[in-house]
Every structure is written in C-alpha cells, then in structure tokens.
Amino acid sequence: MTGKAKPKKHTAKELAAKLDAATTNRGGGKAGLADRSGHEKGGHAKLECPLCKVTAPDMKSMQIHHEARHPKIPFDESKLNNLHAGTVAETSKPESSKPKPGIRGSLKK
C-alpha cells in the first residue's frame, strides 16, 4: 500500500495491456465487418444453414448447430449454402453510369 501523499503509479504490465487493447484490431466495428462476413477474404463464415440462415466456419460446427436447433430434421450436407464457393458478380445496367440525384433530387456537378 502506498503512503498518504504518494500517488499510485501504473505498472509496466498495466500500461502494456492498455496499449495493446487500444491498438490491436479485435475485429469489431466497420474494420472487422469484411472479415466477419466472410465474403472478402476467407473469413469466418463459410457455411450457412438453409433453415435459419445462421453461419458457421466449418462442417462440424454446422452439424452441432443443426443437432441443437433443428433436431427433428435430418442433417444433410448437400443442402448447406457454401458462402465461399461462389461470389455473386454485380450486373451493370446501362443506366448506372448516370449520376444519382443527391439531396432533394438535384444533380451534383
């Protein structure tokens, strides 16, 4: 315990932990959105349940989910949606090259 007039000082361990927590990307917020969705890089969500649209990283986790949430329906691997198998390409329309109206329908120049 410290004396009366001595202020408490932070230890090097506390300061290092605080710095690490402030500067390390934990995957939350907008920065980790692409990683969590699994579309950009080979992220977390690989398989999607066709019944309730819950995502899972691998087959074993999806099987555990299915047995817990859908016990009356038999588990079938072929019905699962593989999110990494194919990405949906955007179709470009000829009208999409026009600028979209901004506030109150005015066109920005």
Protein backbone atom coordinates (compact mmCIF):
# COMPACT_ATOMS: atom_id res chain seq x y z
CA MET A 1 0.00 0.00 0.00
CA THR A 2 1.24 3.47 -0.75
CA GLY A 3 1.73 6.28 1.73
CA LYS A 4 -0.56 9.23 2.32
CA ALA A 5 0.88 11.71 -0.14
CA LYS A 6 2.26 9.24 -2.69
CA PRO A 7 0.09 8.88 -5.81
CA LYS A 8 -0.38 5.35 -7.14
CA LYS A 9 1.59 4.60 -10.28
CA HIS A 10 0.65 2.23 -13.04
CA THR A 11 2.78 -0.83 -13.53
CA ALA A 12 4.50 -1.60 -16.81
CA LYS A 13 2.20 -4.60 -17.20
CA GLU A 14 -0.92 -2.44 -16.90
CA LEU A 15 0.41 0.12 -19.35
CA ALA A 16 1.40 -2.57 -21.90
CA ALA A 17 -2.05 -4.20 -21.62
CA LYS A 18 -3.75 -0.84 -22.08
CA LEU A 19 -1.64 -0.03 -25.14
CA ASP A 20 -2.30 -3.47 -26.62
CA ALA A 21 -6.06 -3.15 -26.11
CA ALA A 22 -6.11 0.29 -27.71
CA THR A 23 -4.02 -0.50 -30.79
CA THR A 24 -4.84 -4.12 -31.69
CA ASN A 25 -7.66 -4.78 -34.15
CA ARG A 26 -10.07 -7.14 -32.42
CA GLY A 27 -12.32 -7.48 -35.46
CA GLY A 28 -15.18 -5.31 -34.27
CA GLY A 29 -16.91 -2.36 -35.87
CA LYS A 30 -16.55 -1.39 -39.51
CA ALA A 31 -12.91 -2.52 -39.63
CA GLY A 32 -13.85 -6.15 -38.96
CA LEU A 33 -17.08 -6.23 -40.94
CA ALA A 34 -15.48 -7.71 -44.06
CA ASP A 35 -13.69 -10.34 -42.03
CA ARG A 36 -16.83 -11.35 -40.15
CA SER A 37 -18.97 -11.56 -43.28
CA GLY A 38 -16.55 -13.96 -44.96
CA HIS A 39 -17.01 -12.62 -48.49
CA GLU A 40 -13.84 -10.55 -49.00
CA LYS A 41 -11.11 -12.77 -47.59
CA GLY A 42 -11.67 -16.34 -46.45
CA GLY A 43 -13.36 -15.04 -43.33
CA HIS A 44 -15.19 -16.74 -40.54
CA ALA A 45 -18.50 -17.63 -42.12
CA LYS A 46 -18.15 -20.42 -44.64
CA LEU A 47 -21.41 -22.36 -44.37
CA GLU A 48 -24.95 -21.08 -43.99
CA CYS A 49 -27.87 -23.04 -42.56
CA PRO A 50 -30.68 -23.20 -45.16
CA LEU A 51 -33.35 -23.21 -42.46
CA CYS A 52 -32.42 -20.27 -40.23
CA LYS A 53 -29.56 -18.57 -42.17
CA VAL A 54 -27.07 -18.91 -39.28
CA THR A 55 -23.45 -19.07 -40.44
CA ALA A 56 -20.70 -21.42 -39.26
CA PRO A 57 -16.98 -21.68 -40.07
CA ASP A 58 -16.84 -25.43 -40.73
CA MET A 59 -18.90 -28.60 -41.21
CA LYS A 60 -18.52 -29.82 -37.62
CA SER A 61 -19.83 -26.55 -36.17
CA MET A 62 -22.75 -26.60 -38.59
CA GLN A 63 -23.57 -30.18 -37.60
CA ILE A 64 -23.54 -29.20 -33.90
CA HIS A 65 -25.80 -26.22 -34.68
CA HIS A 66 -28.19 -28.40 -36.68
CA GLU A 67 -28.48 -31.05 -33.98
CA ALA A 68 -29.14 -28.39 -31.33
CA ARG A 69 -31.53 -26.13 -33.26
CA HIS A 70 -33.26 -28.47 -35.70
CA PRO A 71 -33.38 -31.89 -34.00
CA LYS A 72 -36.45 -33.16 -35.90
CA ILE A 73 -34.98 -32.53 -39.36
CA PRO A 74 -32.21 -34.89 -40.54
CA PHE A 75 -28.83 -33.27 -41.25
CA ASP A 76 -27.94 -33.17 -44.96
CA GLU A 77 -24.59 -31.67 -46.02
CA SER A 78 -25.72 -31.13 -49.61
CA LYS A 79 -28.41 -28.60 -48.59
CA LEU A 80 -25.95 -26.24 -46.86
CA ASN A 81 -25.06 -22.97 -48.59
CA ASN A 82 -21.30 -22.60 -49.10
CA LEU A 83 -20.60 -18.86 -48.93
CA HIS A 84 -17.03 -19.20 -50.22
CA ALA A 85 -17.92 -21.33 -53.27
CA GLY A 86 -19.20 -18.54 -55.48
CA THR A 87 -19.40 -14.83 -55.16
CA VAL A 88 -22.25 -13.02 -56.82
CA ALA A 89 -20.99 -10.70 -59.52
CA GLU A 90 -22.77 -7.38 -59.85
CA THR A 91 -24.63 -6.86 -63.08
CA SER A 92 -24.06 -3.48 -64.62
CA LYS A 93 -27.00 -1.71 -66.20
CA PRO A 94 -26.58 0.82 -68.97
CA GLU A 95 -28.36 3.46 -66.83
CA SER A 96 -25.99 3.00 -63.90
CA SER A 97 -23.42 5.37 -65.49
CA LYS A 98 -25.72 8.36 -64.90
CA PRO A 99 -25.10 10.30 -61.70
CA LYS A 100 -27.64 9.67 -58.98
CA PRO A 101 -29.57 12.62 -57.56
CA GLY A 102 -28.37 13.95 -54.21
CA ILE A 103 -30.37 15.93 -51.72
CA ARG A 104 -33.86 16.94 -52.88
CA GLY A 105 -33.35 15.45 -56.33
CA SER A 106 -30.66 17.86 -57.52
CA LEU A 107 -27.73 16.62 -59.58
CA LYS A 108 -24.26 17.39 -58.26
CA LYS A 109 -21.87 18.78 -60.84
